[in-house]
Amino acid sequence: MKNIVRTAIGFLGVAVMATQFIGVSNANVIPLESSSNSFEQPLPVTPAQKEVDRLLKQISANAAIASRHGEKLESFTRSGSRLQYQTHAAELMKAKDAINRMGSDLRQLEDLRASALPWQQAVIDRMEPVLVGLAGHATEAIERLNEDRRQLPSQAYRDSVGSLYTYAQQARTLISVNLDYAQAREKLNRLDASTAEPALSATRDRTSVSPKAAKSLEQRLHSELLKLPYYGVFDHLAFEVEGDQVQLSGEVSWPALKKDAENAVRRVEGVGGVSSDIQVLPLSTHDNRIRRATYWAVYGHSALARYRLNPNPPIRIIVANGNVTLKGVVTSEMDKTIAHLRASGVPGVFSVTNALRVGS
C-alpha cells in the first residue's frame, strides 16, 4: 500500500482580496511574489521601521473612517431613501478627507520604504494601487452625485458608493492582516524555537542529525503553510503526500496565496515535487459581503464563539458566487448543525454545503 497522507490546513489571520488618491490617475501594479520569506524579521526594531508601523496603523484607522462613511452612504442609497443631496455630499466629503489623509501618510511611507522591513515594503507597494482605486471610486461617487442630484439615488451612484465602501474595507484589511500576521509569526517563531530546544539538547552529541529531521514531512508542510500571509478564515488548503511528492488542493480568496503556498511547499526539506489543484475564488463584492456576514453569523453564536479562541479557528467559510461551503473540524454534531443553520440564514446566500467534520 502506498503511504498517502491527506492534511487540511487551519488558518491564520483573515483573508484579503486583491484590489487596485484622489487626483491620481494611474498606478503600477506590483507583481505578487511569494511573501512568506519577507517575514523573517516580523517585528520593527529601528526608529524608521517603528515609524512605518505607526503610519500603517494610521492609514488603517483612516480606512476605517472612510469605510464607516461609505457604509452610511450605502444605507442612504437603499430603496425608499429620500435623503437630500446635501446629506450625501456631507458624508462624501468626510470620506474624501480620510482618503486624502491616507494619501499623505502613504507619501511619507514611500520616503521611508528603503529603511522598512521587507514585509513592510511589500505592504507599501501594494497599498498604492488600493488607494488609487479607493480614491477613484470616491471621485466617481462625487461626480455621479453632482450629475444625478435630482434623481437620487441612481444605479451608477449606488455602484460607486458600494465600491468606495468595499475598497476602504480592503485597504484596512490589507494592513491589518500583515500587522496581525507579523505578531503571529513572532509567536510561531518562539514556539518553534522552544519546541526544538529539547530535541537539540537530547541530540547535541549527534551533530549529523538536522533539527528539521525531528519533524515529519507532514508536520513541516503543515507548519510552513500556517505561516503564509493572507491565509485566512475564507481560505482552505489541504495536501496529500506520496513519498516525496506533494499534491496541494483547496480554495483561496486572495490570488497571491496560491503562488505563496506552492512556493512554500517547494522549499520544504524532503519535498521532491509539487503539483497544485488550488482554486482561486472569484473576486466579487457580493461574495465579500457574504463572507463577512457569514463569519459573524457562525462565530458570533454563543455555542461556536469558543472556536475563535483557537490560534487556528477550525471552521473555514468558502464563498463562490453566493454559494457557501463550510469546511474544517468541529467537536460535535450539534456544533456542525448550528454552523449550517447560522450560515443558511445569511441574506444573499444561494446555498450552503456543510462539509464540516466531527472530530477532536
Protein backbone atom coordinates (compact mmCIF):
# COMPACT_ATOMS: atom_id res chain seq x y z
CA MET A 1 0.00 0.00 0.00
CA LYS A 2 1.25 3.46 -0.83
CA ASN A 3 1.60 5.73 2.14
CA ILE A 4 -0.66 8.69 1.34
CA VAL A 5 -1.31 11.37 3.94
CA ARG A 6 -4.03 13.95 3.44
CA THR A 7 -3.97 17.01 5.67
CA ALA A 8 -6.25 20.02 5.84
CA ILE A 9 -4.55 23.20 6.96
CA GLY A 10 -6.02 25.56 9.55
CA PHE A 11 -5.95 29.30 9.02
CA LEU A 12 -4.03 32.20 10.44
CA GLY A 13 -5.40 35.71 10.41
CA VAL A 14 -8.05 36.84 7.96
CA ALA A 15 -8.42 36.79 4.22
CA VAL A 16 -7.59 39.62 1.93
CA MET A 17 -8.94 40.30 -1.50
CA ALA A 18 -6.87 41.63 -4.44
CA THR A 19 -7.66 45.37 -5.32
CA GLN A 20 -6.41 48.47 -7.19
CA PHE A 21 -5.63 59.24 -4.38
CA ILE A 22 -7.98 61.50 -5.33
CA GLY A 23 -6.10 63.37 -8.05
CA VAL A 24 -4.06 60.25 -9.04
CA SER A 25 -4.99 58.53 -12.28
CA ASN A 26 -2.51 55.70 -12.90
CA ALA A 27 -0.80 53.06 -10.77
CA ASN A 28 1.82 50.42 -11.41
CA VAL A 29 0.64 47.08 -10.07
CA ILE A 30 3.39 45.28 -8.18
CA PRO A 31 3.83 41.62 -9.15
CA LEU A 32 2.57 39.33 -6.39
CA GLU A 33 5.68 37.39 -5.46
CA SER A 34 5.88 34.80 -2.71
CA SER A 35 5.73 36.72 0.55
CA SER A 36 6.38 34.28 3.40
CA ASN A 37 10.14 34.83 3.25
CA SER A 38 9.67 38.57 3.77
CA PHE A 39 8.62 37.91 7.38
CA GLU A 40 11.98 36.51 8.51
CA GLN A 41 12.15 39.57 10.80
CA PRO A 42 8.50 40.15 11.62
CA LEU A 43 8.61 42.98 14.17
CA PRO A 44 10.03 46.53 13.69
CA VAL A 45 13.15 47.38 15.72
CA THR A 46 14.75 50.50 14.20
CA PRO A 47 13.22 54.00 14.55
CA ALA A 48 12.40 54.06 10.82
CA GLN A 49 10.69 50.65 10.99
CA LYS A 50 8.67 51.75 14.01
CA GLU A 51 7.63 54.94 12.19
CA VAL A 52 6.48 52.82 9.24
CA ASP A 53 4.48 50.70 11.68
CA ARG A 54 2.86 53.85 13.13
CA LEU A 55 1.96 55.23 9.70
CA LEU A 56 0.47 51.91 8.59
CA LYS A 57 -1.73 51.85 11.67
CA GLN A 58 -2.74 55.46 10.98
CA ILE A 59 -3.73 54.60 7.41
CA SER A 60 -5.71 51.64 8.75
CA ALA A 61 -7.55 53.96 11.18
CA ASN A 62 -8.41 56.40 8.36
CA ALA A 63 -9.52 53.49 6.19
CA ALA A 64 -11.91 52.52 8.98
CA ILE A 65 -13.25 56.11 8.99
CA ALA A 66 -13.71 56.08 5.20
CA SER A 67 -15.39 52.68 5.50
CA ARG A 68 -17.87 53.96 8.09
CA HIS A 69 -18.83 56.89 5.88
CA GLY A 70 -19.04 54.54 2.90
CA GLU A 71 -21.32 52.21 4.83
CA LYS A 72 -23.54 55.13 5.82
CA LEU A 73 -23.67 56.33 2.20
CA GLU A 74 -24.62 52.82 1.13
CA SER A 75 -27.51 52.89 3.60
CA PHE A 76 -28.60 56.22 2.08
CA THR A 77 -28.96 54.57 -1.34
CA ARG A 78 -31.26 51.77 -0.22
CA SER A 79 -34.77 51.58 -1.55
CA GLY A 80 -37.10 54.16 -0.06
CA SER A 81 -34.39 56.64 0.93
CA ARG A 82 -35.45 60.25 0.31
CA LEU A 83 -32.38 62.00 1.74
CA GLN A 84 -31.34 65.21 0.07
CA TYR A 85 -28.23 65.93 -1.97
CA GLN A 86 -26.63 67.87 0.90
CA THR A 87 -26.77 64.84 3.21
CA HIS A 88 -24.98 62.65 0.66
CA ALA A 89 -22.43 65.38 -0.08
CA ALA A 90 -21.52 65.84 3.60
CA GLU A 91 -20.75 62.13 4.03
CA LEU A 92 -18.78 62.00 0.79
CA MET A 93 -16.62 64.95 1.86
CA LYS A 94 -15.82 63.22 5.16
CA ALA A 95 -14.82 60.06 3.30
CA LYS A 96 -12.72 62.09 0.86
CA ASP A 97 -10.89 63.85 3.72
CA ALA A 98 -10.00 60.49 5.29
CA ILE A 99 -8.75 59.19 1.91
CA ASN A 100 -6.57 62.27 1.41
CA ARG A 101 -5.04 61.78 4.86
CA MET A 102 -4.23 58.22 3.82
CA GLY A 103 -2.53 59.58 0.71
CA SER A 104 -0.41 61.96 2.78
CA ASP A 105 0.68 59.10 5.03
CA LEU A 106 1.49 56.92 2.02
CA ARG A 107 3.84 59.58 0.65
CA GLN A 108 5.73 59.50 3.97
CA LEU A 109 5.83 55.70 3.80
CA GLU A 110 7.32 55.84 0.31
CA ASP A 111 10.10 58.11 1.64
CA LEU A 112 10.81 55.56 4.42
CA ARG A 113 10.48 52.49 2.23
CA ALA A 114 14.22 51.79 1.86
CA SER A 115 14.60 51.53 5.66
CA ALA A 116 11.49 49.40 6.20
CA LEU A 117 11.26 45.66 6.84
CA PRO A 118 10.71 43.53 3.72
CA TRP A 119 7.10 42.80 4.62
CA GLN A 120 6.51 46.50 5.32
CA GLN A 121 7.93 47.31 1.88
CA ALA A 122 5.51 44.83 0.33
CA VAL A 123 2.56 46.48 2.10
CA ILE A 124 3.68 49.93 0.91
CA ASP A 125 3.99 48.67 -2.67
CA ARG A 126 0.58 47.02 -2.59
CA MET A 127 -1.09 49.91 -0.80
CA GLU A 128 -0.71 52.41 -3.66
CA PRO A 129 -3.00 50.65 -6.18
CA VAL A 130 -5.56 50.01 -3.43
CA LEU A 131 -5.71 53.70 -2.53
CA VAL A 132 -5.78 54.71 -6.18
CA GLY A 133 -8.85 52.52 -6.62
CA LEU A 134 -10.43 53.86 -3.42
CA ALA A 135 -9.87 57.48 -4.46
CA GLY A 136 -11.11 56.75 -7.96
CA HIS A 137 -14.42 55.41 -6.66
CA ALA A 138 -14.76 58.38 -4.29
CA THR A 139 -14.18 60.76 -7.20
CA GLU A 140 -16.70 58.86 -9.31
CA ALA A 141 -19.26 58.99 -6.49
CA ILE A 142 -18.81 62.77 -6.21
CA GLU A 143 -19.25 63.19 -9.96
CA ARG A 144 -22.33 60.94 -10.03
CA LEU A 145 -23.84 62.80 -7.09
CA ASN A 146 -23.42 66.14 -8.86
CA GLU A 147 -24.88 64.76 -12.10
CA ASP A 148 -27.81 62.92 -10.54
CA ARG A 149 -28.79 65.25 -7.70
CA ARG A 150 -32.37 65.50 -8.97
CA GLN A 151 -32.88 61.76 -9.29
CA LEU A 152 -31.01 60.31 -6.33
CA PRO A 153 -30.04 57.60 -5.93
CA SER A 154 -29.19 56.44 -9.47
CA GLN A 155 -27.82 52.95 -10.08
CA ALA A 156 -24.45 54.39 -11.15
CA TYR A 157 -24.24 56.33 -7.88
CA ARG A 158 -25.18 53.22 -5.90
CA ASP A 159 -22.43 51.24 -7.61
CA SER A 160 -19.73 53.85 -6.99
CA VAL A 161 -20.72 54.20 -3.32
CA GLY A 162 -20.70 50.43 -2.88
CA SER A 163 -17.22 50.23 -4.44
CA LEU A 164 -15.96 53.04 -2.21
CA TYR A 165 -17.08 51.11 0.87
CA THR A 166 -15.56 47.84 -0.35
CA TYR A 167 -12.20 49.40 -1.26
CA ALA A 168 -11.97 51.17 2.11
CA GLN A 169 -12.54 47.82 3.81
CA GLN A 170 -9.89 46.22 1.62
CA ALA A 171 -7.34 48.96 2.40
CA ARG A 172 -7.90 48.42 6.10
CA THR A 173 -7.68 44.64 5.79
CA LEU A 174 -4.52 44.76 3.67
CA ILE A 175 -2.71 46.49 6.51
CA SER A 176 -4.30 44.71 9.46
CA VAL A 177 -3.67 41.23 8.09
CA ASN A 178 0.04 42.00 7.76
CA LEU A 179 0.30 43.61 11.20
CA ASP A 180 -1.59 40.70 12.77
CA TYR A 181 0.49 38.20 10.83
CA ALA A 182 3.77 39.78 11.97
CA GLN A 183 2.65 39.33 15.58
CA ALA A 184 1.51 35.76 14.95
CA ARG A 185 4.71 34.91 13.06
CA GLU A 186 6.78 36.12 16.02
CA LYS A 187 4.77 33.84 18.32
CA LEU A 188 5.19 30.90 15.93
CA ASN A 189 8.94 31.52 15.72
CA ARG A 190 9.21 31.49 19.51
CA LEU A 191 7.06 28.34 19.68
CA ASP A 192 9.21 26.59 17.07
CA ALA A 193 12.36 27.55 18.99
CA SER A 194 11.00 26.28 22.31
CA THR A 195 9.79 23.04 20.70
CA ALA A 196 13.12 22.37 19.02
CA GLU A 197 15.20 23.07 22.14
CA PRO A 198 14.61 19.72 23.93
CA ALA A 199 15.29 17.79 20.75
CA LEU A 200 18.51 19.71 20.18
CA SER A 201 19.75 19.16 23.73
CA ALA A 202 18.97 15.47 23.53
CA THR A 203 20.98 15.04 20.34
CA ARG A 204 23.74 17.60 20.80
CA ASP A 205 26.38 14.85 20.52
CA ARG A 206 24.89 13.58 17.26
CA THR A 207 25.71 16.51 15.02
CA SER A 208 24.73 14.60 11.88
CA VAL A 209 21.02 14.93 12.80
CA SER A 210 19.35 18.03 11.33
CA PRO A 211 16.92 19.89 13.63
CA LYS A 212 14.37 19.71 10.80
CA ALA A 213 14.64 15.92 10.83
CA ALA A 214 12.92 15.88 14.23
CA LYS A 215 9.68 16.72 12.42
CA SER A 216 7.95 14.58 9.86
CA LEU A 217 7.47 15.89 6.34
CA GLU A 218 3.74 16.35 7.03
CA GLN A 219 4.47 18.40 10.15
CA ARG A 220 6.91 20.63 8.28
CA LEU A 221 4.45 21.19 5.46
CA HIS A 222 1.70 21.99 7.93
CA SER A 223 3.91 24.46 9.79
CA GLU A 224 5.05 26.27 6.64
CA LEU A 225 1.54 26.64 5.26
CA LEU A 226 0.28 28.05 8.55
CA LYS A 227 2.95 30.77 8.31
CA LEU A 228 1.66 32.05 4.98
CA PRO A 229 0.48 35.66 4.97
CA TYR A 230 -3.07 36.22 3.72
CA TYR A 231 -4.13 32.68 4.76
CA GLY A 232 -7.44 33.29 6.44
CA VAL A 233 -10.82 32.06 7.56
CA PHE A 234 -12.11 32.41 3.99
CA ASP A 235 -9.46 30.03 2.58
CA HIS A 236 -8.93 26.29 2.83
CA LEU A 237 -5.70 24.47 1.99
CA ALA A 238 -5.06 20.73 2.08
CA PHE A 239 -2.29 18.44 0.88
CA GLU A 240 -1.57 14.80 0.12
CA VAL A 241 1.89 13.27 0.48
CA GLU A 242 3.01 10.26 -1.54
CA GLY A 243 6.68 9.58 -0.95
CA ASP A 244 8.40 12.91 -1.60
CA GLN A 245 5.63 14.17 -3.89
CA VAL A 246 3.07 16.68 -2.58
CA GLN A 247 -0.36 17.36 -4.08
CA LEU A 248 -1.90 20.68 -2.98
CA SER A 249 -5.62 21.39 -3.13
CA GLY A 250 -8.16 23.82 -1.74
CA GLU A 251 -9.69 27.22 -2.37
CA VAL A 252 -8.20 30.67 -1.73
CA SER A 253 -9.80 34.12 -1.80
CA TRP A 254 -6.51 36.01 -2.28
CA PRO A 255 -4.77 35.28 -5.60
CA ALA A 256 -1.24 35.67 -4.18
CA LEU A 257 -1.93 32.88 -1.68
CA LYS A 258 -2.00 30.19 -4.36
CA LYS A 259 1.53 31.02 -5.56
CA ASP A 260 2.77 31.55 -1.99
CA ALA A 261 1.52 28.11 -0.92
CA GLU A 262 3.10 26.38 -3.90
CA ASN A 263 6.46 28.11 -3.38
CA ALA A 264 6.43 27.48 0.39
CA VAL A 265 5.89 23.74 -0.14
CA ARG A 266 8.68 23.53 -2.75
CA ARG A 267 11.12 24.98 -0.21
CA VAL A 268 10.35 22.37 2.47
CA GLU A 269 13.21 19.93 3.04
CA GLY A 270 12.32 16.48 1.75
CA VAL A 271 9.87 17.60 -0.95
CA GLY A 272 10.79 16.24 -4.35
CA GLY A 273 7.92 17.64 -6.41
CA VAL A 274 4.75 19.66 -6.08
CA SER A 275 1.52 19.60 -8.07
CA SER A 276 -1.29 22.01 -7.34
CA ASP A 277 -5.05 21.99 -7.73
CA ILE A 278 -5.64 25.13 -5.63
CA GLN A 279 -8.56 27.17 -6.96
CA VAL A 280 -8.65 30.97 -6.77
CA LEU A 281 -12.17 32.07 -5.82
CA PRO A 282 -13.80 34.75 -7.99
CA LEU A 283 -13.37 38.36 -6.90
CA SER A 284 -16.81 39.69 -6.02
CA THR A 285 -18.19 42.49 -3.85
CA HIS A 286 -21.30 40.38 -3.27
CA ASP A 287 -19.20 37.42 -2.09
CA ASN A 288 -17.15 39.71 0.18
CA ARG A 289 -20.30 40.84 1.95
CA ILE A 290 -21.46 37.25 2.34
CA ARG A 291 -18.07 36.28 3.80
CA ARG A 292 -18.23 38.97 6.48
CA ALA A 293 -21.87 38.28 7.31
CA THR A 294 -21.35 34.51 7.47
CA TYR A 295 -18.28 34.88 9.68
CA TRP A 296 -20.22 36.83 12.31
CA ALA A 297 -23.29 34.62 11.96
CA VAL A 298 -21.21 31.50 12.66
CA TYR A 299 -18.52 32.68 15.08
CA GLY A 300 -20.88 35.14 16.76
CA HIS A 301 -23.14 32.34 18.02
CA SER A 302 -22.59 31.58 21.71
CA ALA A 303 -22.13 27.84 21.08
CA LEU A 304 -19.44 28.43 18.42
CA ALA A 305 -17.68 31.51 19.78
CA ARG A 306 -15.11 29.36 21.59
CA TYR A 307 -13.68 28.25 18.24
CA ARG A 308 -12.42 31.80 17.69
CA LEU A 309 -10.08 31.35 20.67
CA ASN A 310 -8.18 28.65 18.81
CA PRO A 311 -4.96 30.05 17.25
CA ASN A 312 -6.20 28.34 14.06
CA PRO A 313 -10.01 28.62 14.27
CA PRO A 314 -11.28 25.42 12.67
CA ILE A 315 -14.38 26.49 10.72
CA ARG A 316 -13.47 27.79 7.26
CA ILE A 317 -16.02 29.72 5.19
CA ILE A 318 -15.60 29.28 1.44
CA VAL A 319 -17.78 31.54 -0.74
CA ALA A 320 -18.07 31.35 -4.52
CA ASN A 321 -20.77 33.21 -6.47
CA GLY A 322 -23.06 33.42 -3.46
CA ASN A 323 -22.68 29.72 -2.55
CA VAL A 324 -21.18 28.91 0.85
CA THR A 325 -19.24 25.79 1.81
CA LEU A 326 -18.27 25.18 5.44
CA LYS A 327 -15.04 23.19 5.86
CA GLY A 328 -12.93 22.15 8.80
CA VAL A 329 -13.50 20.34 12.08
CA VAL A 330 -15.92 20.82 14.98
CA THR A 331 -16.21 18.80 18.16
CA SER A 332 -19.86 17.72 17.95
CA GLU A 333 -22.74 17.07 15.57
CA MET A 334 -24.66 19.83 17.35
CA ASP A 335 -21.96 22.39 16.51
CA LYS A 336 -21.96 21.20 12.91
CA THR A 337 -25.73 21.66 12.71
CA ILE A 338 -25.65 25.10 14.35
CA ALA A 339 -22.95 26.32 11.94
CA HIS A 340 -25.03 25.14 8.99
CA LEU A 341 -28.22 26.80 10.25
CA ARG A 342 -26.43 30.09 11.00
CA ALA A 343 -24.80 30.21 7.56
CA SER A 344 -28.11 29.36 5.87
CA GLY A 345 -29.74 32.38 7.49
CA VAL A 346 -27.34 34.93 5.97
CA PRO A 347 -29.12 37.23 3.47
CA GLY A 348 -27.95 36.81 -0.11
CA VAL A 349 -26.67 33.24 0.29
CA PHE A 350 -27.86 30.96 -2.52
CA SER A 351 -26.85 27.63 -0.96
CA VAL A 352 -24.87 26.18 1.94
CA THR A 353 -22.84 22.96 1.75
CA ASN A 354 -21.87 21.58 5.14
CA ALA A 355 -18.54 19.79 4.71
CA LEU A 356 -17.56 20.13 8.37
CA ARG A 357 -16.17 17.02 10.02
CA VAL A 358 -16.72 16.00 13.63
CA GLY A 359 -13.51 15.20 15.47
CA SER A 360 -11.15 16.24 18.22
